[in-house]
Amino acid sequence: FHLLATAPNLHEALVEITDEFEENWKDYVEQDIHKLSSGAQLFRQKLISLIPEEI
């Protein structure tokens, strides 16, 4: 799992990475798991594992 962003400074790069993560979250985690391929389901689990359970 990799996020890629190009930006002229660190702040803008972090904004780009956050936007990409949020887009992936919407596309894989917020979708009906039964509509995802097996690879997409694995990616979904990876995304979920990146967020601490306390949140």
PDB file of N, CA and C in Angstrom:
ATOM      1  N   PHE A   1       0.844  -1.176   0.000  1.00  0.00           N
ATOM      2  CA  PHE A   1       0.000   0.000   0.000  1.00  0.00           C
ATOM      3  C   PHE A   1       0.881   1.227   0.000  1.00  0.00           C
ATOM      4  N   HIS A   2       0.722   2.058  -0.999  1.00  0.00           N
ATOM      5  CA  HIS A   2       1.533   3.267  -1.120  1.00  0.00           C
ATOM      6  C   HIS A   2       0.643   4.441  -1.510  1.00  0.00           C
ATOM      7  N   LEU A   3       0.935   5.578  -0.931  1.00  0.00           N
ATOM      8  CA  LEU A   3       0.298   6.821  -1.349  1.00  0.00           C
ATOM      9  C   LEU A   3       1.373   7.669  -2.003  1.00  0.00           C
ATOM     10  N   LEU A   4       1.044   8.281  -3.107  1.00  0.00           N
ATOM     11  CA  LEU A   4       2.016   9.084  -3.829  1.00  0.00           C
ATOM     12  C   LEU A   4       1.463  10.486  -4.008  1.00  0.00           C
ATOM     13  N   ALA A   5       2.291  11.461  -3.698  1.00  0.00           N
ATOM     14  CA  ALA A   5       1.894  12.851  -3.896  1.00  0.00           C
ATOM     15  C   ALA A   5       3.113  13.659  -4.306  1.00  0.00           C
ATOM     16  N   THR A   6       2.880  14.602  -5.175  1.00  0.00           N
ATOM     17  CA  THR A   6       3.939  15.546  -5.521  1.00  0.00           C
ATOM     18  C   THR A   6       3.423  16.938  -5.202  1.00  0.00           C
ATOM     19  N   ALA A   7       4.253  17.711  -4.554  1.00  0.00           N
ATOM     20  CA  ALA A   7       3.851  19.054  -4.153  1.00  0.00           C
ATOM     21  C   ALA A   7       5.101  19.893  -3.923  1.00  0.00           C
ATOM     22  N   PRO A   8       4.953  21.207  -3.987  1.00  0.00           N
ATOM     23  CA  PRO A   8       6.109  22.082  -3.817  1.00  0.00           C
ATOM     24  C   PRO A   8       6.613  22.184  -2.378  1.00  0.00           C
ATOM     25  N   ASN A   9       5.791  21.722  -1.409  1.00  0.00           N
ATOM     26  CA  ASN A   9       6.243  21.779  -0.016  1.00  0.00           C
ATOM     27  C   ASN A   9       5.584  20.662   0.789  1.00  0.00           C
ATOM     28  N   LEU A  10       6.085  20.449   1.988  1.00  0.00           N
ATOM     29  CA  LEU A  10       5.615  19.352   2.833  1.00  0.00           C
ATOM     30  C   LEU A  10       4.139  19.487   3.183  1.00  0.00           C
ATOM     31  N   HIS A  11       3.701  20.678   3.508  1.00  0.00           N
ATOM     32  CA  HIS A  11       2.295  20.877   3.877  1.00  0.00           C
ATOM     33  C   HIS A  11       1.363  20.437   2.744  1.00  0.00           C
ATOM     34  N   GLU A  12       1.652  20.896   1.536  1.00  0.00           N
ATOM     35  CA  GLU A  12       0.804  20.532   0.405  1.00  0.00           C
ATOM     36  C   GLU A  12       0.888  19.039   0.095  1.00  0.00           C
ATOM     37  N   ALA A  13       2.046  18.445   0.301  1.00  0.00           N
ATOM     38  CA  ALA A  13       2.187  16.999   0.099  1.00  0.00           C
ATOM     39  C   ALA A  13       1.322  16.231   1.094  1.00  0.00           C
ATOM     40  N   LEU A  14       1.316  16.663   2.351  1.00  0.00           N
ATOM     41  CA  LEU A  14       0.483  16.003   3.359  1.00  0.00           C
ATOM     42  C   LEU A  14      -0.998  16.157   3.039  1.00  0.00           C
ATOM     43  N   VAL A  15      -1.386  17.306   2.530  1.00  0.00           N
ATOM     44  CA  VAL A  15      -2.777  17.511   2.119  1.00  0.00           C
ATOM     45  C   VAL A  15      -3.128  16.544   0.988  1.00  0.00           C
ATOM     46  N   GLU A  16      -2.243  16.403   0.015  1.00  0.00           N
ATOM     47  CA  GLU A  16      -2.472  15.484  -1.108  1.00  0.00           C
ATOM     48  C   GLU A  16      -2.584  14.037  -0.633  1.00  0.00           C
ATOM     49  N   ILE A  17      -1.704  13.630   0.272  1.00  0.00           N
ATOM     50  CA  ILE A  17      -1.733  12.264   0.797  1.00  0.00           C
ATOM     51  C   ILE A  17      -3.021  12.018   1.571  1.00  0.00           C
ATOM     52  N   THR A  18      -3.421  12.984   2.375  1.00  0.00           N
ATOM     53  CA  THR A  18      -4.669  12.860   3.131  1.00  0.00           C
ATOM     54  C   THR A  18      -5.855  12.736   2.185  1.00  0.00           C
ATOM     55  N   ASP A  19      -5.884  13.550   1.153  1.00  0.00           N
ATOM     56  CA  ASP A  19      -6.976  13.482   0.171  1.00  0.00           C
ATOM     57  C   ASP A  19      -7.028  12.113  -0.504  1.00  0.00           C
ATOM     58  N   GLU A  20      -5.869  11.582  -0.868  1.00  0.00           N
ATOM     59  CA  GLU A  20      -5.821  10.274  -1.523  1.00  0.00           C
ATOM     60  C   GLU A  20      -6.296   9.172  -0.571  1.00  0.00           C
ATOM     61  N   PHE A  21      -5.868   9.256   0.702  1.00  0.00           N
ATOM     62  CA  PHE A  21      -6.308   8.272   1.688  1.00  0.00           C
ATOM     63  C   PHE A  21      -7.821   8.341   1.856  1.00  0.00           C
ATOM     64  N   GLU A  22      -8.375   9.550   1.967  1.00  0.00           N
ATOM     65  CA  GLU A  22      -9.822   9.708   2.136  1.00  0.00           C
ATOM     66  C   GLU A  22     -10.589   9.160   0.935  1.00  0.00           C
ATOM     67  N   GLU A  23     -10.061   9.367  -0.255  1.00  0.00           N
ATOM     68  CA  GLU A  23     -10.708   8.839  -1.453  1.00  0.00           C
ATOM     69  C   GLU A  23     -10.704   7.309  -1.442  1.00  0.00           C
ATOM     70  N   ASN A  24      -9.569   6.721  -1.081  1.00  0.00           N
ATOM     71  CA  ASN A  24      -9.499   5.260  -0.970  1.00  0.00           C
ATOM     72  C   ASN A  24     -10.453   4.750   0.096  1.00  0.00           C
ATOM     73  N   TRP A  25     -10.560   5.450   1.215  1.00  0.00           N
ATOM     74  CA  TRP A  25     -11.462   5.059   2.302  1.00  0.00           C
ATOM     75  C   TRP A  25     -12.902   5.014   1.794  1.00  0.00           C
ATOM     76  N   LYS A  26     -13.309   6.053   1.078  1.00  0.00           N
ATOM     77  CA  LYS A  26     -14.671   6.099   0.538  1.00  0.00           C
ATOM     78  C   LYS A  26     -14.907   4.986  -0.479  1.00  0.00           C
ATOM     79  N   ASP A  27     -13.892   4.718  -1.305  1.00  0.00           N
ATOM     80  CA  ASP A  27     -14.040   3.723  -2.367  1.00  0.00           C
ATOM     81  C   ASP A  27     -14.028   2.280  -1.865  1.00  0.00           C
ATOM     82  N   TYR A  28     -13.375   2.011  -0.743  1.00  0.00           N
ATOM     83  CA  TYR A  28     -13.218   0.629  -0.283  1.00  0.00           C
ATOM     84  C   TYR A  28     -13.862   0.347   1.069  1.00  0.00           C
ATOM     85  N   VAL A  29     -13.741   1.249   2.019  1.00  0.00           N
ATOM     86  CA  VAL A  29     -14.252   0.976   3.366  1.00  0.00           C
ATOM     87  C   VAL A  29     -15.734   1.315   3.476  1.00  0.00           C
ATOM     88  N   GLU A  30     -16.143   2.397   2.850  1.00  0.00           N
ATOM     89  CA  GLU A  30     -17.538   2.825   2.969  1.00  0.00           C
ATOM     90  C   GLU A  30     -18.460   2.131   1.971  1.00  0.00           C
ATOM     91  N   GLN A  31     -17.917   1.247   1.169  1.00  0.00           N
ATOM     92  CA  GLN A  31     -18.726   0.511   0.194  1.00  0.00           C
ATOM     93  C   GLN A  31     -19.206  -0.814   0.791  1.00  0.00           C
ATOM     94  N   ASP A  32     -20.231  -1.373   0.191  1.00  0.00           N
ATOM     95  CA  ASP A  32     -20.726  -2.687   0.588  1.00  0.00           C
ATOM     96  C   ASP A  32     -19.628  -3.715   0.317  1.00  0.00           C
ATOM     97  N   ILE A  33     -19.180  -4.387   1.365  1.00  0.00           N
ATOM     98  CA  ILE A  33     -18.069  -5.337   1.244  1.00  0.00           C
ATOM     99  C   ILE A  33     -18.386  -6.452   0.246  1.00  0.00           C
ATOM    100  N   HIS A  34     -19.652  -6.798   0.095  1.00  0.00           N
ATOM    101  CA  HIS A  34     -20.043  -7.878  -0.815  1.00  0.00           C
ATOM    102  C   HIS A  34     -19.914  -7.485  -2.286  1.00  0.00           C
ATOM    103  N   LYS A  35     -19.779  -6.203  -2.557  1.00  0.00           N
ATOM    104  CA  LYS A  35     -19.620  -5.735  -3.933  1.00  0.00           C
ATOM    105  C   LYS A  35     -18.150  -5.590  -4.319  1.00  0.00           C
ATOM    106  N   LEU A  36     -17.238  -5.846  -3.372  1.00  0.00           N
ATOM    107  CA  LEU A  36     -15.807  -5.707  -3.627  1.00  0.00           C
ATOM    108  C   LEU A  36     -15.195  -7.044  -4.034  1.00  0.00           C
ATOM    109  N   SER A  37     -14.219  -6.990  -4.913  1.00  0.00           N
ATOM    110  CA  SER A  37     -13.481  -8.200  -5.282  1.00  0.00           C
ATOM    111  C   SER A  37     -12.661  -8.663  -4.082  1.00  0.00           C
ATOM    112  N   SER A  38     -12.111  -9.855  -4.154  1.00  0.00           N
ATOM    113  CA  SER A  38     -11.310 -10.354  -3.030  1.00  0.00           C
ATOM    114  C   SER A  38     -10.089  -9.466  -2.795  1.00  0.00           C
ATOM    115  N   GLY A  39      -9.470  -8.982  -3.859  1.00  0.00           N
ATOM    116  CA  GLY A  39      -8.334  -8.076  -3.711  1.00  0.00           C
ATOM    117  C   GLY A  39      -8.739  -6.758  -3.077  1.00  0.00           C
ATOM    118  N   ALA A  40      -9.892  -6.253  -3.472  1.00  0.00           N
ATOM    119  CA  ALA A  40     -10.399  -5.005  -2.898  1.00  0.00           C
ATOM    120  C   ALA A  40     -10.740  -5.195  -1.421  1.00  0.00           C
ATOM    121  N   GLN A  41     -11.237  -6.376  -1.064  1.00  0.00           N
ATOM    122  CA  GLN A  41     -11.534  -6.650   0.343  1.00  0.00           C
ATOM    123  C   GLN A  41     -10.254  -6.682   1.178  1.00  0.00           C
ATOM    124  N   LEU A  42      -9.183  -7.230   0.631  1.00  0.00           N
ATOM    125  CA  LEU A  42      -7.897  -7.231   1.339  1.00  0.00           C
ATOM    126  C   LEU A  42      -7.383  -5.805   1.514  1.00  0.00           C
ATOM    127  N   PHE A  43      -7.505  -5.002   0.471  1.00  0.00           N
ATOM    128  CA  PHE A  43      -7.088  -3.607   0.549  1.00  0.00           C
ATOM    129  C   PHE A  43      -7.923  -2.864   1.588  1.00  0.00           C
ATOM    130  N   ARG A  44      -9.224  -3.159   1.622  1.00  0.00           N
ATOM    131  CA  ARG A  44     -10.125  -2.556   2.610  1.00  0.00           C
ATOM    132  C   ARG A  44      -9.640  -2.857   4.025  1.00  0.00           C
ATOM    133  N   GLN A  45      -9.291  -4.114   4.280  1.00  0.00           N
ATOM    134  CA  GLN A  45      -8.802  -4.502   5.607  1.00  0.00           C
ATOM    135  C   GLN A  45      -7.502  -3.783   5.946  1.00  0.00           C
ATOM    136  N   LYS A  46      -6.641  -3.604   4.957  1.00  0.00           N
ATOM    137  CA  LYS A  46      -5.383  -2.885   5.178  1.00  0.00           C
ATOM    138  C   LYS A  46      -5.664  -1.440   5.580  1.00  0.00           C
ATOM    139  N   LEU A  47      -6.574  -0.793   4.888  1.00  0.00           N
ATOM    140  CA  LEU A  47      -6.929   0.582   5.237  1.00  0.00           C
ATOM    141  C   LEU A  47      -7.478   0.660   6.656  1.00  0.00           C
ATOM    142  N   ILE A  48      -8.374  -0.244   6.997  1.00  0.00           N
ATOM    143  CA  ILE A  48      -8.970  -0.249   8.334  1.00  0.00           C
ATOM    144  C   ILE A  48      -7.905  -0.464   9.393  1.00  0.00           C
ATOM    145  N   SER A  49      -6.924  -1.309   9.109  1.00  0.00           N
ATOM    146  CA  SER A  49      -5.881  -1.612  10.094  1.00  0.00           C
ATOM    147  C   SER A  49      -4.982  -0.409  10.380  1.00  0.00           C
ATOM    148  N   LEU A  50      -4.983   0.572   9.509  1.00  0.00           N
ATOM    149  CA  LEU A  50      -4.147   1.756   9.706  1.00  0.00           C
ATOM    150  C   LEU A  50      -4.730   2.743  10.716  1.00  0.00           C
ATOM    151  N   ILE A  51      -6.008   2.567  11.047  1.00  0.00           N
ATOM    152  CA  ILE A  51      -6.680   3.480  11.974  1.00  0.00           C
ATOM    153  C   ILE A  51      -6.791   2.807  13.337  1.00  0.00           C
ATOM    154  N   PRO A  52      -6.293   3.464  14.397  1.00  0.00           N
ATOM    155  CA  PRO A  52      -6.402   2.871  15.744  1.00  0.00           C
ATOM    156  C   PRO A  52      -7.868   2.655  16.131  1.00  0.00           C
ATOM    157  N   GLU A  53      -8.131   1.589  16.853  1.00  0.00           N
ATOM    158  CA  GLU A  53      -9.500   1.256  17.251  1.00  0.00           C
ATOM    159  C   GLU A  53     -10.105   2.277  18.203  1.00  0.00           C
ATOM    160  N   GLU A  54      -9.285   3.031  18.921  1.00  0.00           N
ATOM    161  CA  GLU A  54      -9.787   3.988  19.900  1.00  0.00           C
ATOM    162  C   GLU A  54     -10.525   5.156  19.258  1.00  0.00           C
ATOM    163  N   ILE A  55     -10.313   5.369  17.970  1.00  0.00           N
ATOM    164  CA  ILE A  55     -10.928   6.526  17.306  1.00  0.00           C
ATOM    165  C   ILE A  55     -12.387   6.264  17.047  1.00  0.00           C
TER     166      ILE A  55
END
